[in-house]
C-alpha cells in the first residue's frame, strides 16, 4: 500500500481537532468548526476487496466506533471514485472517461443510511452489492462515504449557517470474472525532493480492464555491480484503463540514506502477468 492510499485508508479515524491536517491527507475531507471539536470516529475496514461472477451478490459490514465525547450523526452513501495520476482518490458523482464504465455505486445499497452513535458506542453499516447478470469481466469500484456531524444542535441555526462535516470512506474494489492484466512500464526516472530520500518513479499504464495491486522489488547496485540495497515495491492500486506514477523510496524505514555516489537501479514488478516488468535507470546521490 502506498503512502497516499495509507493516508486515506490506514487510520480510519476522523479528528476535527486536526482539521487542516486531515483535510490535506484524507481525500475529499471537510472538517467542521468548533462544534466538531470532540468528534472522533473510527471506521473499519477502510478497504474491501470482493470477487464475483456476473449476477452475484455480496453483503459486507463496516464498523463505526465513536471515540469522542459527544453523540454523532453518521450518514452513509454509495459513491463512485477514481485515482489521480499520483494515486490520490478523487470522489466525484460525475466520473471522467474512461472511469465511468468502472463505477459500481449504482449496484450498492447501504443500510441504515443514517444513524446516531452515542459516545463510546459502536454501530454497524451493511452494504449489499448486486452485480448485474451481463456485467463484463473487469475491475469495478465504489466507495461507502460516511459523513459525520454532531447529533445535537439547533436545526434552525444549522440551516442558517454553512455546515461542514467530516468525511471518511471505505473503498470497495470489485473484480467480476477473470479479466487479464495488461500493464506497461512506460517510464522510469529518479525524483529528488529536498530534505527527503530520492524516489524512483515508475510510470505504469494499465491498458486492460483488470484491477491490479503492485508488488515487486527495487534493487540498487553500486559502481562495481554489487547489490547495496533491495527494497519492496509498495502495494498500490492500478485501476483499469488508467495511468499512474508509482513512487518508490530508496530508503526503507530505519535505514540510513545511501552514501554519495553513482548507482544503477533496477525495478522488477510482478503485476499478475506471465512475465515480470523490468526497468533500469541511474541514480546519482550527492551529499
Protein backbone atom coordinates (compact mmCIF):
# COMPACT_ATOMS: atom_id res chain seq x y z
CA UNK A 1 0.00 0.00 0.00
CA UNK A 2 1.50 3.35 -1.00
CA UNK A 3 1.69 6.44 1.21
CA UNK A 4 -1.25 8.31 -0.32
CA UNK A 5 -3.54 5.36 -0.04
CA UNK A 6 -2.46 4.77 3.58
CA UNK A 7 -3.40 8.37 4.37
CA UNK A 8 -6.90 7.72 3.12
CA UNK A 9 -7.31 4.17 4.41
CA UNK A 10 -4.95 3.13 7.16
CA UNK A 11 -6.11 5.28 10.06
CA UNK A 12 -9.85 5.42 9.60
CA UNK A 13 -10.23 7.99 12.33
CA UNK A 14 -11.62 11.48 11.87
CA UNK A 15 -10.38 14.09 14.33
CA UNK A 16 -11.92 17.51 13.74
CA UNK A 17 -9.38 18.95 16.15
CA UNK A 18 -6.78 18.39 13.44
CA UNK A 19 -8.92 19.88 10.72
CA UNK A 20 -6.24 21.30 8.46
CA UNK A 21 -4.02 18.23 8.57
CA UNK A 22 -6.89 15.83 7.89
CA UNK A 23 -8.22 17.95 5.07
CA UNK A 24 -4.90 17.64 3.29
CA UNK A 25 -4.46 13.93 3.87
CA UNK A 26 -7.95 12.45 3.57
CA UNK A 27 -9.25 12.93 0.05
CA UNK A 28 -12.44 14.95 -0.04
CA UNK A 29 -12.36 15.65 3.70
CA UNK A 30 -14.18 18.73 5.02
CA UNK A 31 -13.92 19.30 8.73
CA UNK A 32 -16.27 21.31 10.88
CA UNK A 33 -15.54 24.26 13.02
CA UNK A 34 -15.84 24.45 16.83
CA UNK A 35 -18.97 22.30 17.12
CA UNK A 36 -16.98 19.33 15.79
CA UNK A 37 -14.08 19.67 18.21
CA UNK A 38 -14.86 16.46 20.09
CA UNK A 39 -15.70 14.25 17.10
CA UNK A 40 -13.59 11.11 16.74
CA UNK A 41 -14.99 8.24 14.69
CA UNK A 42 -13.11 5.09 13.76
CA UNK A 43 -14.17 3.18 10.65
CA UNK A 44 -13.16 -0.41 9.88
CA UNK A 45 -12.40 -1.81 7.37
CA UNK A 46 -11.24 1.00 5.12
CA UNK A 47 -10.63 -1.22 2.12
CA UNK A 48 -12.79 -4.09 0.89
CA UNK A 49 -11.79 -6.37 -2.00
CA UNK A 50 -14.52 -8.58 -3.48
CA UNK A 51 -14.57 -11.10 -6.31
CA UNK A 52 -17.72 -12.29 -8.03
CA UNK A 53 -19.23 -13.69 -11.17
CA UNK A 54 -21.88 -11.69 -13.07
CA UNK A 55 -25.19 -11.84 -11.23
CA UNK A 56 -23.54 -12.38 -7.83
CA UNK A 57 -24.50 -10.63 -4.60
CA UNK A 58 -22.27 -9.76 -1.63
CA UNK A 59 -23.02 -8.19 1.74
CA UNK A 60 -20.27 -6.62 3.85
CA UNK A 61 -20.36 -4.95 7.26
CA UNK A 62 -18.47 -1.79 8.24
CA UNK A 63 -17.96 -0.92 11.91
CA UNK A 64 -18.25 2.67 13.14
CA UNK A 65 -16.85 3.41 16.59
CA UNK A 66 -17.49 6.76 18.29
CA UNK A 67 -14.31 7.53 20.22
CA UNK A 68 -15.33 11.10 21.05
CA UNK A 69 -17.22 12.67 23.92
CA UNK A 70 -20.41 13.62 22.08
CA UNK A 71 -23.05 11.83 20.04
CA UNK A 72 -22.57 11.98 16.27
CA UNK A 73 -24.87 11.58 13.31
CA UNK A 74 -23.43 9.41 10.55
CA UNK A 75 -24.86 9.37 7.04
CA UNK A 76 -23.70 6.59 4.71
CA UNK A 77 -23.93 6.80 0.92
CA UNK A 78 -22.51 4.88 -2.03
CA UNK A 79 -20.28 6.95 -4.28
CA UNK A 80 -18.04 6.50 -7.31
CA UNK A 81 -14.38 7.46 -7.28
CA UNK A 82 -11.17 7.26 -9.27
CA UNK A 83 -7.45 7.84 -8.74
CA UNK A 84 -5.44 10.81 -9.88
CA UNK A 85 -2.10 10.12 -11.54
CA UNK A 86 -0.27 10.26 -8.20
CA UNK A 87 -2.69 7.78 -6.63
CA UNK A 88 -4.90 10.18 -4.66
CA UNK A 89 -8.56 9.05 -4.52
CA UNK A 90 -10.98 11.53 -6.10
CA UNK A 91 -14.64 11.36 -5.14
CA UNK A 92 -16.99 12.72 -7.75
CA UNK A 93 -20.50 11.86 -8.84
CA UNK A 94 -19.59 12.63 -12.46
CA UNK A 95 -16.64 10.39 -13.32
CA UNK A 96 -14.48 11.34 -16.29
CA UNK A 97 -13.99 8.95 -19.18
CA UNK A 98 -13.00 6.12 -19.21
CA UNK A 99 -13.62 5.74 -15.47
CA UNK A 100 -17.40 5.93 -15.91
CA UNK A 101 -17.80 2.34 -17.04
CA UNK A 102 -15.99 1.02 -13.95
CA UNK A 103 -18.09 2.90 -11.38
CA UNK A 104 -20.24 0.48 -9.37
CA UNK A 105 -22.04 2.75 -6.90
CA UNK A 106 -25.38 2.06 -8.62
CA UNK A 107 -25.01 -1.61 -7.64
CA UNK A 108 -24.65 -0.82 -3.94
CA UNK A 109 -27.37 -0.45 -1.30
CA UNK A 110 -26.48 0.84 2.18
CA UNK A 111 -28.39 0.14 5.41
CA UNK A 112 -29.04 2.06 7.51
CA UNK A 113 -28.38 5.24 5.54
CA UNK A 114 -28.34 7.35 8.71
CA UNK A 115 -27.92 6.74 12.44
CA UNK A 116 -26.85 8.41 15.66
CA UNK A 117 -23.96 6.86 17.57
CA UNK A 118 -23.52 7.75 21.24
CA UNK A 119 -20.09 8.30 22.84
CA UNK A 120 -18.21 5.05 23.37
CA UNK A 121 -20.67 3.04 21.31
CA UNK A 122 -20.18 1.08 18.11
CA UNK A 123 -22.59 0.88 15.19
CA UNK A 124 -22.68 -1.18 12.01
CA UNK A 125 -23.44 -0.22 8.43
CA UNK A 126 -24.02 -3.00 5.92
CA UNK A 127 -23.77 -2.60 2.20
CA UNK A 128 -25.00 -5.08 -0.36
CA UNK A 129 -23.51 -5.22 -3.84
CA UNK A 130 -25.64 -6.80 -6.56
CA UNK A 131 -23.75 -7.31 -9.81
CA UNK A 132 -25.93 -7.19 -12.96
CA UNK A 133 -26.10 -10.51 -14.81
CA UNK A 134 -24.48 -9.33 -18.05
CA UNK A 135 -21.58 -7.42 -16.47
CA UNK A 136 -18.33 -7.81 -18.50
CA UNK A 137 -15.26 -9.19 -16.73
CA UNK A 138 -13.37 -6.22 -15.25
CA UNK A 139 -12.28 -4.47 -12.09
CA UNK A 140 -15.02 -2.18 -10.75
CA UNK A 141 -15.12 0.10 -7.73
CA UNK A 142 -17.32 2.06 -5.37
CA UNK A 143 -16.95 3.82 -2.02
CA UNK A 144 -19.09 3.88 1.09
CA UNK A 145 -18.81 7.50 2.19
CA UNK A 146 -19.50 8.34 5.83
CA UNK A 147 -20.44 11.94 6.62
CA UNK A 148 -20.01 12.64 10.34
CA UNK A 149 -21.66 15.60 12.07
CA UNK A 150 -22.83 16.49 15.60
CA UNK A 151 -26.07 14.78 16.59
CA UNK A 152 -27.16 17.74 18.72
CA UNK A 153 -27.72 21.40 17.95
CA UNK A 154 -30.44 23.75 16.88
CA UNK A 155 -31.67 22.65 13.45
CA UNK A 156 -32.83 26.16 12.58
CA UNK A 157 -29.38 27.59 13.32
CA UNK A 158 -27.78 24.78 11.36
CA UNK A 159 -29.90 25.56 8.31
CA UNK A 160 -29.00 29.25 8.52
CA UNK A 161 -25.28 28.58 8.62
CA UNK A 162 -22.85 26.80 6.32
CA UNK A 163 -22.39 23.33 7.77
CA UNK A 164 -19.25 21.29 7.36
CA UNK A 165 -18.91 17.61 8.07
CA UNK A 166 -16.05 15.19 8.48
CA UNK A 167 -15.85 12.51 5.82
CA UNK A 168 -14.11 9.16 5.62
CA UNK A 169 -14.62 6.42 3.06
CA UNK A 170 -14.39 2.66 2.82
CA UNK A 171 -13.08 1.91 -0.67
CA UNK A 172 -14.58 -1.12 -2.40
CA UNK A 173 -12.66 -2.95 -5.16
CA UNK A 174 -14.82 -5.47 -7.03
CA UNK A 175 -13.39 -7.90 -9.57
CA UNK A 176 -16.04 -9.51 -11.77
CA UNK A 177 -14.99 -12.63 -13.65
CA UNK A 178 -11.32 -13.09 -14.56
CA UNK A 179 -10.06 -10.07 -16.51
CA UNK A 180 -6.48 -10.43 -17.74
CA UNK A 181 -3.96 -7.78 -16.63
CA UNK A 182 -2.40 -5.67 -19.41
CA UNK A 183 0.09 -3.20 -17.93
CA UNK A 184 3.15 -1.49 -19.38
CA UNK A 185 6.09 0.19 -17.66
CA UNK A 186 6.29 3.31 -19.81
CA UNK A 187 8.82 5.38 -17.87
CA UNK A 188 11.29 5.09 -15.01
CA UNK A 189 13.09 8.06 -13.51
CA UNK A 190 14.54 9.43 -10.29
CA UNK A 191 12.83 12.23 -8.41
CA UNK A 192 14.71 14.33 -5.89
CA UNK A 193 12.77 16.00 -3.07
CA UNK A 194 14.59 18.49 -0.86
CA UNK A 195 15.16 17.10 2.63
CA UNK A 196 13.90 13.60 1.72
CA UNK A 197 15.46 10.45 0.23
CA UNK A 198 15.45 10.12 -3.53
CA UNK A 199 12.48 8.33 -5.10
CA UNK A 200 12.39 6.09 -8.13
CA UNK A 201 9.15 6.76 -10.01
CA UNK A 202 7.68 4.06 -12.25
CA UNK A 203 5.00 5.23 -14.68
CA UNK A 204 2.55 2.37 -15.18
CA UNK A 205 -0.07 2.32 -17.91
CA UNK A 206 -2.95 -0.11 -17.45
CA UNK A 207 -4.49 -0.67 -20.87
CA UNK A 208 -6.73 -3.52 -19.74
CA UNK A 209 -9.87 -3.85 -17.65
CA UNK A 210 -8.32 -5.61 -14.64
CA UNK A 211 -7.71 -4.04 -11.25
CA UNK A 212 -4.20 -4.93 -10.03
CA UNK A 213 -2.10 -4.15 -6.96
CA UNK A 214 1.61 -3.59 -7.45
CA UNK A 215 4.32 -5.70 -5.90
CA UNK A 216 7.96 -6.35 -6.67
CA UNK A 217 11.46 -5.20 -5.80
CA UNK A 218 13.71 -2.20 -6.26
CA UNK A 219 17.36 -3.29 -6.46
CA UNK A 220 20.21 -0.78 -6.18
CA UNK A 221 23.72 -1.62 -7.46
CA UNK A 222 26.94 0.28 -6.81
CA UNK A 223 29.61 1.05 -9.41
CA UNK A 224 31.13 -2.44 -9.11
CA UNK A 225 27.82 -4.16 -9.79
CA UNK A 226 27.33 -5.28 -6.20
CA UNK A 227 23.85 -5.07 -4.70
CA UNK A 228 23.80 -2.44 -1.96
CA UNK A 229 20.08 -2.35 -1.26
CA UNK A 230 16.90 -4.33 -2.00
CA UNK A 231 13.56 -2.69 -1.28
CA UNK A 232 9.97 -3.85 -1.61
CA UNK A 233 7.79 -2.00 -4.08
CA UNK A 234 4.77 -0.54 -2.23
CA UNK A 235 1.41 -2.20 -2.75
CA UNK A 236 -0.63 0.32 -4.72
CA UNK A 237 -3.84 0.02 -6.77
CA UNK A 238 -3.67 0.19 -10.56
CA UNK A 239 -7.15 0.85 -11.90
CA UNK A 240 -8.39 -0.25 -15.33
CA UNK A 241 -7.55 1.96 -18.31
CA UNK A 242 -5.54 4.40 -16.24
CA UNK A 243 -2.01 5.68 -15.79
CA UNK A 244 -0.28 6.39 -12.52
CA UNK A 245 3.15 7.28 -11.16
CA UNK A 246 4.29 4.81 -8.51
CA UNK A 247 6.89 6.39 -6.21
CA UNK A 248 9.39 4.01 -4.57
CA UNK A 249 11.66 5.41 -1.87
CA UNK A 250 15.35 4.45 -1.99
CA UNK A 251 15.40 4.31 1.81
CA UNK A 252 13.24 1.95 3.86
CA UNK A 253 12.07 2.78 7.37
CA UNK A 254 15.02 2.63 9.76
CA UNK A 255 17.65 2.67 7.00
CA UNK A 256 20.37 5.26 6.54
CA UNK A 257 20.41 7.30 3.32
CA UNK A 258 22.61 6.00 0.55
CA UNK A 259 26.19 7.28 0.56
CA UNK A 260 27.17 9.74 -2.14
CA UNK A 261 27.90 8.04 -5.44
CA UNK A 262 26.55 6.75 -8.72
CA UNK A 263 24.21 3.78 -8.72
CA UNK A 264 22.29 1.60 -11.13
CA UNK A 265 18.67 0.97 -10.22
CA UNK A 266 16.56 -1.96 -11.37
CA UNK A 267 12.82 -2.31 -10.80
CA UNK A 268 11.12 -5.70 -11.06
CA UNK A 269 7.33 -5.62 -10.98
CA UNK A 270 5.00 -8.59 -10.57
CA UNK A 271 1.61 -7.42 -11.83
CA UNK A 272 -0.07 -10.76 -12.37
CA UNK A 273 1.11 -11.17 -15.97
CA UNK A 274 3.13 -14.12 -17.32
CA UNK A 275 6.40 -12.16 -17.16
CA UNK A 276 7.80 -9.56 -14.78
CA UNK A 277 8.05 -5.95 -15.90
CA UNK A 278 11.68 -4.87 -15.59
CA UNK A 279 13.18 -1.42 -15.97
CA UNK A 280 16.52 0.27 -15.29
CA UNK A 281 17.68 3.80 -14.57
CA UNK A 282 20.61 5.55 -12.92
CA UNK A 283 20.75 7.28 -9.58
CA UNK A 284 23.26 9.93 -8.55
CA UNK A 285 23.42 10.70 -4.83
CA UNK A 286 25.19 13.90 -3.75
CA UNK A 287 25.51 14.58 -0.04
